Amino acid sequence: MSGQYYDVVDATPFLYGYYHTKEISLIRDALRAFLSNHDFPGQNNHRILDIGCATGRAIESIHAEAPGSLFVGLDISPKMVRLAKTRRNSPIELLVGDIRCLPFRKGAFDFVYTLEVLEHLARKTKGIPAAVSEVMRVTRAGGSCTFESTSFWHFQLQEIISRGLPGAHVSLLQQRGLTRFSKTYRTSPLSVAEPSRPGFISELIRSYGGKIESTSWIRVIPEQTFVVLSSDPIRSILTRADELLTRLPGLRRLGREFVIRCVKTTG
């Protein structure tokens, strides 16, 4: 499914495309905040690392924010890295690597982020601590790092809904003219390990020398709602309502994804 994943993303701007757009927007905001605090006139030579870069969409999208900086993209999939190399339009270094054992020296980067990686790590109690530890290790003191993960509580809610709406994702692919992906999704969907509790990730960040600056949430309304209600005007209204829900204390914790931005406080 990985080679076809972004075709599905592009065909579902109200669902998977929405997640990607929001994630990249939050990374762009984090980078702008970092640059506003660390840039000096005539200087823009930071080292920026995208862990789980896939085909390079996120890193290409934010490159213009710091054009004089060194951008590095890393992904565990050689196929994704090859695709990224053929599609890149910016001077970005790309390599294969594992978030749990990063091939960089301590403090090598000023700004580090990882999107859609933590939720795919197996053996959560070992894999995620190893990943967070490595991200913090390669971030310099005073640098910024951002983590995204799917949220435990939202997937508990989705599990309940899925029991009454079996096959919703396959029907979505059929609606959007993506029937060639239906069989693939049914037989080998992209694996997602157990979603994480935000407190679990937050405590790991603090234990490895991070100070949390903000936590953002994406998509409170269960995605099955957007599949069943196939009218684009209704989906637009739901999206606007959802934006409000992600800002409400309490309710926002039911979001599908959370994004934690922090600063590395120790060397």
C-alpha atoms as a PDB file:
ATOM      1  CA  MET A   1       0.000   0.000   0.000  1.00  0.00           C
ATOM      2  CA  SER A   2       2.913   2.386   0.696  1.00  0.00           C
ATOM      3  CA  GLY A   3       3.648   3.038  -2.959  1.00  0.00           C
ATOM      4  CA  GLN A   4       0.013   4.025  -3.553  1.00  0.00           C
ATOM      5  CA  TYR A   5      -0.662   5.792  -0.274  1.00  0.00           C
ATOM      6  CA  TYR A   6      -0.309   9.347  -1.545  1.00  0.00           C
ATOM      7  CA  ASP A   7      -2.693   8.688  -4.432  1.00  0.00           C
ATOM      8  CA  VAL A   8      -5.301   7.973  -1.763  1.00  0.00           C
ATOM      9  CA  VAL A   9      -4.248  11.088   0.163  1.00  0.00           C
ATOM     10  CA  ASP A  10      -4.687  13.296  -2.907  1.00  0.00           C
ATOM     11  CA  ALA A  11      -8.085  11.782  -3.697  1.00  0.00           C
ATOM     12  CA  THR A  12      -9.486  12.359  -0.187  1.00  0.00           C
ATOM     13  CA  PRO A  13      -8.813  16.011   0.735  1.00  0.00           C
ATOM     14  CA  PHE A  14     -11.541  15.855   3.408  1.00  0.00           C
ATOM     15  CA  LEU A  15      -9.941  12.847   5.146  1.00  0.00           C
ATOM     16  CA  TYR A  16      -6.362  11.639   4.656  1.00  0.00           C
ATOM     17  CA  GLY A  17      -5.473  14.749   2.715  1.00  0.00           C
ATOM     18  CA  TYR A  18      -6.823  16.818   5.600  1.00  0.00           C
ATOM     19  CA  TYR A  19      -4.554  15.074   8.121  1.00  0.00           C
ATOM     20  CA  HIS A  20      -1.502  15.686   5.961  1.00  0.00           C
ATOM     21  CA  THR A  21      -2.351  19.339   5.339  1.00  0.00           C
ATOM     22  CA  LYS A  22      -2.848  20.004   9.048  1.00  0.00           C
ATOM     23  CA  GLU A  23       0.341  18.191  10.019  1.00  0.00           C
ATOM     24  CA  ILE A  24       2.440  20.156   7.543  1.00  0.00           C
ATOM     25  CA  SER A  25       0.779  23.404   8.642  1.00  0.00           C
ATOM     26  CA  LEU A  26       1.727  22.710  12.271  1.00  0.00           C
ATOM     27  CA  ILE A  27       5.337  21.922  11.285  1.00  0.00           C
ATOM     28  CA  ARG A  28       5.505  25.127   9.254  1.00  0.00           C
ATOM     29  CA  ASP A  29       4.206  27.109  12.260  1.00  0.00           C
ATOM     30  CA  ALA A  30       6.751  25.429  14.532  1.00  0.00           C
ATOM     31  CA  LEU A  31       9.590  26.237  12.129  1.00  0.00           C
ATOM     32  CA  ARG A  32       8.505  29.865  11.831  1.00  0.00           C
ATOM     33  CA  ALA A  33       8.366  30.160  15.618  1.00  0.00           C
ATOM     34  CA  PHE A  34      11.833  28.650  15.908  1.00  0.00           C
ATOM     35  CA  LEU A  35      13.291  30.920  13.240  1.00  0.00           C
ATOM     36  CA  SER A  36      11.742  34.029  14.797  1.00  0.00           C
ATOM     37  CA  ASN A  37      13.569  33.252  18.044  1.00  0.00           C
ATOM     38  CA  HIS A  38      16.901  32.187  16.581  1.00  0.00           C
ATOM     39  CA  ASP A  39      17.480  34.050  13.328  1.00  0.00           C
ATOM     40  CA  PHE A  40      19.752  37.059  12.998  1.00  0.00           C
ATOM     41  CA  PRO A  41      19.905  39.421  10.003  1.00  0.00           C
ATOM     42  CA  GLY A  42      21.590  37.669   7.096  1.00  0.00           C
ATOM     43  CA  GLN A  43      21.681  34.285   8.831  1.00  0.00           C
ATOM     44  CA  ASN A  44      19.550  31.285   7.922  1.00  0.00           C
ATOM     45  CA  ASN A  45      21.871  28.300   8.045  1.00  0.00           C
ATOM     46  CA  HIS A  46      20.086  25.929  10.376  1.00  0.00           C
ATOM     47  CA  ARG A  47      20.133  22.122  10.196  1.00  0.00           C
ATOM     48  CA  ILE A  48      16.646  20.658   9.813  1.00  0.00           C
ATOM     49  CA  LEU A  49      15.744  16.963   9.981  1.00  0.00           C
ATOM     50  CA  ASP A  50      12.542  15.254   8.782  1.00  0.00           C
ATOM     51  CA  ILE A  51      12.280  11.725  10.230  1.00  0.00           C
ATOM     52  CA  GLY A  52       9.865   9.607   8.219  1.00  0.00           C
ATOM     53  CA  CYS A  53      10.092  11.869   5.183  1.00  0.00           C
ATOM     54  CA  ALA A  54       8.419   9.330   2.816  1.00  0.00           C
ATOM     55  CA  THR A  55       8.322  10.935  -0.653  1.00  0.00           C
ATOM     56  CA  GLY A  56       9.436  14.294   0.741  1.00  0.00           C
ATOM     57  CA  ARG A  57       6.126  16.154   0.710  1.00  0.00           C
ATOM     58  CA  ALA A  58       6.493  17.820   4.092  1.00  0.00           C
ATOM     59  CA  ILE A  59      10.123  18.799   3.705  1.00  0.00           C
ATOM     60  CA  GLU A  60       9.474  20.238   0.230  1.00  0.00           C
ATOM     61  CA  SER A  61       6.539  22.228   1.624  1.00  0.00           C
ATOM     62  CA  ILE A  62       8.554  23.933   4.354  1.00  0.00           C
ATOM     63  CA  HIS A  63      11.853  24.371   2.509  1.00  0.00           C
ATOM     64  CA  ALA A  64      10.982  27.911   1.414  1.00  0.00           C
ATOM     65  CA  GLU A  65      10.721  29.001   5.069  1.00  0.00           C
ATOM     66  CA  ALA A  66      14.481  28.575   5.532  1.00  0.00           C
ATOM     67  CA  PRO A  67      16.065  28.348   2.054  1.00  0.00           C
ATOM     68  CA  GLY A  68      19.630  28.767   3.308  1.00  0.00           C
ATOM     69  CA  SER A  69      19.395  25.904   5.763  1.00  0.00           C
ATOM     70  CA  LEU A  70      20.500  22.296   5.427  1.00  0.00           C
ATOM     71  CA  PHE A  71      17.454  20.030   5.056  1.00  0.00           C
ATOM     72  CA  VAL A  72      17.823  16.288   5.621  1.00  0.00           C
ATOM     73  CA  GLY A  73      15.085  13.719   5.061  1.00  0.00           C
ATOM     74  CA  LEU A  74      15.275  10.203   6.498  1.00  0.00           C
ATOM     75  CA  ASP A  75      12.955   7.234   6.000  1.00  0.00           C
ATOM     76  CA  ILE A  76      13.124   3.554   6.908  1.00  0.00           C
ATOM     77  CA  SER A  77      11.843   2.580   3.452  1.00  0.00           C
ATOM     78  CA  PRO A  78      14.444   2.526   0.642  1.00  0.00           C
ATOM     79  CA  LYS A  79      11.568   2.694  -1.850  1.00  0.00           C
ATOM     80  CA  MET A  80      10.247   5.919  -0.334  1.00  0.00           C
ATOM     81  CA  VAL A  81      13.706   7.476  -0.337  1.00  0.00           C
ATOM     82  CA  ARG A  82      14.159   6.559  -4.013  1.00  0.00           C
ATOM     83  CA  LEU A  83      10.808   8.173  -4.823  1.00  0.00           C
ATOM     84  CA  ALA A  84      11.753  11.277  -2.856  1.00  0.00           C
ATOM     85  CA  LYS A  85      15.004  11.596  -4.796  1.00  0.00           C
ATOM     86  CA  THR A  86      13.179  11.478  -8.130  1.00  0.00           C
ATOM     87  CA  ARG A  87      10.576  14.052  -7.089  1.00  0.00           C
ATOM     88  CA  ARG A  88      12.560  16.607  -5.105  1.00  0.00           C
ATOM     89  CA  ASN A  89      12.705  20.160  -6.395  1.00  0.00           C
ATOM     90  CA  SER A  90      14.897  21.540  -3.608  1.00  0.00           C
ATOM     91  CA  PRO A  91      18.488  20.833  -2.453  1.00  0.00           C
ATOM     92  CA  ILE A  92      17.581  18.253   0.199  1.00  0.00           C
ATOM     93  CA  GLU A  93      19.760  15.400   1.440  1.00  0.00           C
ATOM     94  CA  LEU A  94      17.893  12.071   1.631  1.00  0.00           C
ATOM     95  CA  LEU A  95      18.914   8.808   3.255  1.00  0.00           C
ATOM     96  CA  VAL A  96      17.594   5.545   4.667  1.00  0.00           C
ATOM     97  CA  GLY A  97      17.514   5.137   8.443  1.00  0.00           C
ATOM     98  CA  ASP A  98      15.542   4.088  11.516  1.00  0.00           C
ATOM     99  CA  ILE A  99      14.182   6.582  14.069  1.00  0.00           C
ATOM    100  CA  ARG A 100      15.176   4.157  16.833  1.00  0.00           C
ATOM    101  CA  CYS A 101      18.849   4.301  15.830  1.00  0.00           C
ATOM    102  CA  LEU A 102      19.578   7.542  14.008  1.00  0.00           C
ATOM    103  CA  PRO A 103      22.878   7.762  12.078  1.00  0.00           C
ATOM    104  CA  PHE A 104      23.778  11.224  13.372  1.00  0.00           C
ATOM    105  CA  ARG A 105      25.985  12.609  16.117  1.00  0.00           C
ATOM    106  CA  LYS A 106      24.607  14.121  19.312  1.00  0.00           C
ATOM    107  CA  GLY A 107      23.173  17.615  18.833  1.00  0.00           C
ATOM    108  CA  ALA A 108      23.546  17.503  15.049  1.00  0.00           C
ATOM    109  CA  PHE A 109      20.292  19.357  14.259  1.00  0.00           C
ATOM    110  CA  ASP A 110      18.598  22.596  15.231  1.00  0.00           C
ATOM    111  CA  PHE A 111      15.049  21.645  14.230  1.00  0.00           C
ATOM    112  CA  VAL A 112      13.723  18.073  14.123  1.00  0.00           C
ATOM    113  CA  TYR A 113      10.248  16.726  13.428  1.00  0.00           C
ATOM    114  CA  THR A 114       8.602  13.373  12.841  1.00  0.00           C
ATOM    115  CA  LEU A 115       5.173  12.801  11.317  1.00  0.00           C
ATOM    116  CA  GLU A 116       3.276   9.501  11.049  1.00  0.00           C
ATOM    117  CA  VAL A 117       6.119   7.415  12.440  1.00  0.00           C
ATOM    118  CA  LEU A 118       5.449   6.714  16.119  1.00  0.00           C
ATOM    119  CA  GLU A 119       2.095   5.053  15.381  1.00  0.00           C
ATOM    120  CA  HIS A 120       3.799   2.521  13.112  1.00  0.00           C
ATOM    121  CA  LEU A 121       6.367   1.339  15.644  1.00  0.00           C
ATOM    122  CA  ALA A 122       5.795  -2.157  16.976  1.00  0.00           C
ATOM    123  CA  ARG A 123       6.446  -3.067  20.631  1.00  0.00           C
ATOM    124  CA  LYS A 124       5.328   0.356  21.815  1.00  0.00           C
ATOM    125  CA  THR A 125       6.866   0.170  25.295  1.00  0.00           C
ATOM    126  CA  LYS A 126      10.328  -0.249  23.730  1.00  0.00           C
ATOM    127  CA  GLY A 127      10.024   1.274  20.270  1.00  0.00           C
ATOM    128  CA  ILE A 128       8.581   4.668  21.206  1.00  0.00           C
ATOM    129  CA  PRO A 129      10.975   5.375  24.110  1.00  0.00           C
ATOM    130  CA  ALA A 130      13.875   4.485  21.805  1.00  0.00           C
ATOM    131  CA  ALA A 131      12.500   6.826  19.120  1.00  0.00           C
ATOM    132  CA  VAL A 132      11.927   9.772  21.461  1.00  0.00           C
ATOM    133  CA  SER A 133      15.361   9.259  23.026  1.00  0.00           C
ATOM    134  CA  GLU A 134      17.038   9.355  19.600  1.00  0.00           C
ATOM    135  CA  VAL A 135      15.142  12.436  18.428  1.00  0.00           C
ATOM    136  CA  MET A 136      16.139  14.289  21.596  1.00  0.00           C
ATOM    137  CA  ARG A 137      19.742  13.077  21.286  1.00  0.00           C
ATOM    138  CA  VAL A 138      20.274  14.494  17.786  1.00  0.00           C
ATOM    139  CA  THR A 139      18.576  17.813  18.660  1.00  0.00           C
ATOM    140  CA  ARG A 140      20.997  20.416  19.994  1.00  0.00           C
ATOM    141  CA  ALA A 141      20.418  22.222  23.298  1.00  0.00           C
ATOM    142  CA  GLY A 142      18.046  25.093  22.572  1.00  0.00           C
ATOM    143  CA  GLY A 143      16.800  23.365  19.449  1.00  0.00           C
ATOM    144  CA  SER A 144      13.205  22.501  18.615  1.00  0.00           C
ATOM    145  CA  CYS A 145      11.602  19.106  18.016  1.00  0.00           C
ATOM    146  CA  THR A 146       8.053  18.098  17.161  1.00  0.00           C
ATOM    147  CA  PHE A 147       6.368  14.711  17.563  1.00  0.00           C
ATOM    148  CA  GLU A 148       3.097  13.489  16.024  1.00  0.00           C
ATOM    149  CA  SER A 149       1.173  10.390  17.041  1.00  0.00           C
ATOM    150  CA  THR A 150      -2.295   8.921  16.772  1.00  0.00           C
ATOM    151  CA  SER A 151      -4.261   9.128  20.008  1.00  0.00           C
ATOM    152  CA  PHE A 152      -5.502   6.207  22.119  1.00  0.00           C
ATOM    153  CA  TRP A 153      -8.888   7.690  23.047  1.00  0.00           C
ATOM    154  CA  HIS A 154      -9.929   8.552  19.496  1.00  0.00           C
ATOM    155  CA  PHE A 155      -9.193   5.048  18.275  1.00  0.00           C
ATOM    156  CA  GLN A 156     -11.200   3.597  21.141  1.00  0.00           C
ATOM    157  CA  LEU A 157     -14.145   5.626  19.843  1.00  0.00           C
ATOM    158  CA  GLN A 158     -13.461   4.595  16.245  1.00  0.00           C
ATOM    159  CA  GLU A 159     -13.374   0.942  17.210  1.00  0.00           C
ATOM    160  CA  ILE A 160     -16.894   1.191  18.593  1.00  0.00           C
ATOM    161  CA  ILE A 161     -18.147   2.953  15.459  1.00  0.00           C
ATOM    162  CA  SER A 162     -16.375   0.511  13.114  1.00  0.00           C
ATOM    163  CA  ARG A 163     -18.365  -2.376  14.522  1.00  0.00           C
ATOM    164  CA  GLY A 164     -21.489  -0.779  13.085  1.00  0.00           C
ATOM    165  CA  LEU A 165     -19.859   0.391   9.830  1.00  0.00           C
ATOM    166  CA  PRO A 166     -17.688  -2.489   8.568  1.00  0.00           C
ATOM    167  CA  GLY A 167     -15.901  -1.856   5.298  1.00  0.00           C
ATOM    168  CA  ALA A 168     -16.287   1.923   5.455  1.00  0.00           C
ATOM    169  CA  HIS A 169     -12.755   2.575   4.209  1.00  0.00           C
ATOM    170  CA  VAL A 170     -13.154   0.225   1.269  1.00  0.00           C
ATOM    171  CA  SER A 171     -16.417   1.952   0.323  1.00  0.00           C
ATOM    172  CA  LEU A 172     -14.566   5.270   0.487  1.00  0.00           C
ATOM    173  CA  LEU A 173     -12.044   4.063  -2.087  1.00  0.00           C
ATOM    174  CA  GLN A 174     -14.892   2.971  -4.324  1.00  0.00           C
ATOM    175  CA  GLN A 175     -16.593   6.378  -4.001  1.00  0.00           C
ATOM    176  CA  ARG A 176     -13.493   8.272  -5.017  1.00  0.00           C
ATOM    177  CA  GLY A 177     -12.637   6.285  -8.134  1.00  0.00           C
ATOM    178  CA  LEU A 178      -9.909   4.380  -6.347  1.00  0.00           C
ATOM    179  CA  THR A 179     -11.316   0.894  -6.758  1.00  0.00           C
ATOM    180  CA  ARG A 180      -7.887  -0.388  -7.818  1.00  0.00           C
ATOM    181  CA  PHE A 181      -6.799   0.167  -4.191  1.00  0.00           C
ATOM    182  CA  SER A 182      -9.789  -1.504  -2.515  1.00  0.00           C
ATOM    183  CA  LYS A 183      -8.445  -5.052  -2.639  1.00  0.00           C
ATOM    184  CA  THR A 184      -4.992  -3.904  -1.566  1.00  0.00           C
ATOM    185  CA  TYR A 185      -6.376  -2.017   1.429  1.00  0.00           C
ATOM    186  CA  ARG A 186      -8.578  -4.920   2.455  1.00  0.00           C
ATOM    187  CA  THR A 187      -5.778  -7.490   2.342  1.00  0.00           C
ATOM    188  CA  SER A 188      -2.759  -5.415   3.434  1.00  0.00           C
ATOM    189  CA  PRO A 189      -3.577  -2.022   4.959  1.00  0.00           C
ATOM    190  CA  LEU A 190      -0.757   0.134   6.297  1.00  0.00           C
ATOM    191  CA  SER A 191      -0.129  -1.302   9.741  1.00  0.00           C
ATOM    192  CA  VAL A 192      -0.760   0.907  12.757  1.00  0.00           C
ATOM    193  CA  ALA A 193       0.484  -0.217  16.137  1.00  0.00           C
ATOM    194  CA  GLU A 194      -1.460   0.629  19.275  1.00  0.00           C
ATOM    195  CA  PRO A 195      -2.070   4.415  19.386  1.00  0.00           C
ATOM    196  CA  SER A 196      -0.392   6.300  22.223  1.00  0.00           C
ATOM    197  CA  ARG A 197      -1.676   8.293  25.148  1.00  0.00           C
ATOM    198  CA  PRO A 198      -0.426  11.902  25.000  1.00  0.00           C
ATOM    199  CA  GLY A 199       0.805  11.701  28.586  1.00  0.00           C
ATOM    200  CA  PHE A 200       3.064   8.775  27.684  1.00  0.00           C
ATOM    201  CA  ILE A 201       4.815  10.758  24.931  1.00  0.00           C
ATOM    202  CA  SER A 202       4.958  13.930  27.034  1.00  0.00           C
ATOM    203  CA  GLU A 203       6.651  12.183  29.949  1.00  0.00           C
ATOM    204  CA  LEU A 204       9.225  10.635  27.629  1.00  0.00           C
ATOM    205  CA  ILE A 205      10.017  14.035  26.136  1.00  0.00           C
ATOM    206  CA  ARG A 206      10.541  15.533  29.587  1.00  0.00           C
ATOM    207  CA  SER A 207      12.664  12.601  30.731  1.00  0.00           C
ATOM    208  CA  TYR A 208      15.043  13.148  27.809  1.00  0.00           C
ATOM    209  CA  GLY A 209      15.521  16.850  28.435  1.00  0.00           C
ATOM    210  CA  GLY A 210      12.610  18.443  26.589  1.00  0.00           C
ATOM    211  CA  LYS A 211      10.342  21.278  27.664  1.00  0.00           C
ATOM    212  CA  ILE A 212       6.900  21.091  26.071  1.00  0.00           C
ATOM    213  CA  GLU A 213       5.785  24.333  24.435  1.00  0.00           C
ATOM    214  CA  SER A 214       2.452  23.285  22.915  1.00  0.00           C
ATOM    215  CA  THR A 215       0.174  20.345  22.126  1.00  0.00           C
ATOM    216  CA  SER A 216      -2.162  20.549  19.126  1.00  0.00           C
ATOM    217  CA  TRP A 217      -4.954  18.199  18.097  1.00  0.00           C
ATOM    218  CA  ILE A 218      -6.250  17.091  14.695  1.00  0.00           C
ATOM    219  CA  ARG A 219      -9.727  15.773  13.835  1.00  0.00           C
ATOM    220  CA  VAL A 220     -12.078  15.103  16.765  1.00  0.00           C
ATOM    221  CA  ILE A 221     -15.046  13.971  14.642  1.00  0.00           C
ATOM    222  CA  PRO A 222     -14.538  10.261  13.752  1.00  0.00           C
ATOM    223  CA  GLU A 223     -13.446   9.756  10.161  1.00  0.00           C
ATOM    224  CA  GLN A 224     -16.301   7.319   9.462  1.00  0.00           C
ATOM    225  CA  THR A 225     -18.618  10.348   9.612  1.00  0.00           C
ATOM    226  CA  PHE A 226     -16.810  11.876   6.639  1.00  0.00           C
ATOM    227  CA  VAL A 227     -17.046   8.598   4.747  1.00  0.00           C
ATOM    228  CA  VAL A 228     -20.768   8.034   5.303  1.00  0.00           C
ATOM    229  CA  LEU A 229     -21.765  11.667   4.671  1.00  0.00           C
ATOM    230  CA  SER A 230     -20.578  11.880   1.076  1.00  0.00           C
ATOM    231  CA  SER A 231     -21.810  15.406   0.318  1.00  0.00           C
ATOM    232  CA  ASP A 232     -18.866  17.786  -0.052  1.00  0.00           C
ATOM    233  CA  PRO A 233     -20.813  20.792   1.378  1.00  0.00           C
ATOM    234  CA  ILE A 234     -21.668  18.749   4.478  1.00  0.00           C
ATOM    235  CA  ARG A 235     -18.068  17.621   4.789  1.00  0.00           C
ATOM    236  CA  SER A 236     -16.982  21.254   4.592  1.00  0.00           C
ATOM    237  CA  ILE A 237     -19.336  22.173   7.444  1.00  0.00           C
ATOM    238  CA  LEU A 238     -18.096  19.208   9.497  1.00  0.00           C
ATOM    239  CA  THR A 239     -14.500  20.283   8.939  1.00  0.00           C
ATOM    240  CA  ARG A 240     -15.203  23.818  10.185  1.00  0.00           C
ATOM    241  CA  ALA A 241     -17.001  22.411  13.222  1.00  0.00           C
ATOM    242  CA  ASP A 242     -14.122  20.056  13.842  1.00  0.00           C
ATOM    243  CA  GLU A 243     -11.645  22.947  13.842  1.00  0.00           C
ATOM    244  CA  LEU A 244     -13.589  24.437  16.748  1.00  0.00           C
ATOM    245  CA  LEU A 245     -13.729  21.140  18.642  1.00  0.00           C
ATOM    246  CA  THR A 246      -9.937  20.768  18.485  1.00  0.00           C
ATOM    247  CA  ARG A 247      -9.643  24.025  20.449  1.00  0.00           C
ATOM    248  CA  LEU A 248     -12.009  23.068  23.268  1.00  0.00           C
ATOM    249  CA  PRO A 249     -10.349  21.773  26.459  1.00  0.00           C
ATOM    250  CA  GLY A 250     -11.480  18.255  27.218  1.00  0.00           C
ATOM    251  CA  LEU A 251     -13.105  17.541  23.864  1.00  0.00           C
ATOM    252  CA  ARG A 252      -9.919  18.131  21.910  1.00  0.00           C
ATOM    253  CA  ARG A 253      -8.353  15.173  23.715  1.00  0.00           C
ATOM    254  CA  LEU A 254     -10.606  12.974  21.579  1.00  0.00           C
ATOM    255  CA  GLY A 255      -8.637  14.095  18.508  1.00  0.00           C
ATOM    256  CA  ARG A 256      -7.327  11.460  16.115  1.00  0.00           C
ATOM    257  CA  GLU A 257      -3.796  12.847  16.260  1.00  0.00           C
ATOM    258  CA  PHE A 258      -1.800  15.032  18.613  1.00  0.00           C
ATOM    259  CA  VAL A 259       1.293  17.057  17.782  1.00  0.00           C
ATOM    260  CA  ILE A 260       3.679  18.002  20.597  1.00  0.00           C
ATOM    261  CA  ARG A 261       6.221  20.774  20.099  1.00  0.00           C
ATOM    262  CA  CYS A 262       9.089  21.090  22.547  1.00  0.00           C
ATOM    263  CA  VAL A 263      12.478  22.693  23.069  1.00  0.00           C
ATOM    264  CA  LYS A 264      15.578  20.734  24.064  1.00  0.00           C
ATOM    265  CA  THR A 265      16.754  22.248  27.352  1.00  0.00           C
ATOM    266  CA  THR A 266      19.856  20.153  28.078  1.00  0.00           C
ATOM    267  CA  GLY A 267      22.972  19.362  26.082  1.00  0.00           C
END
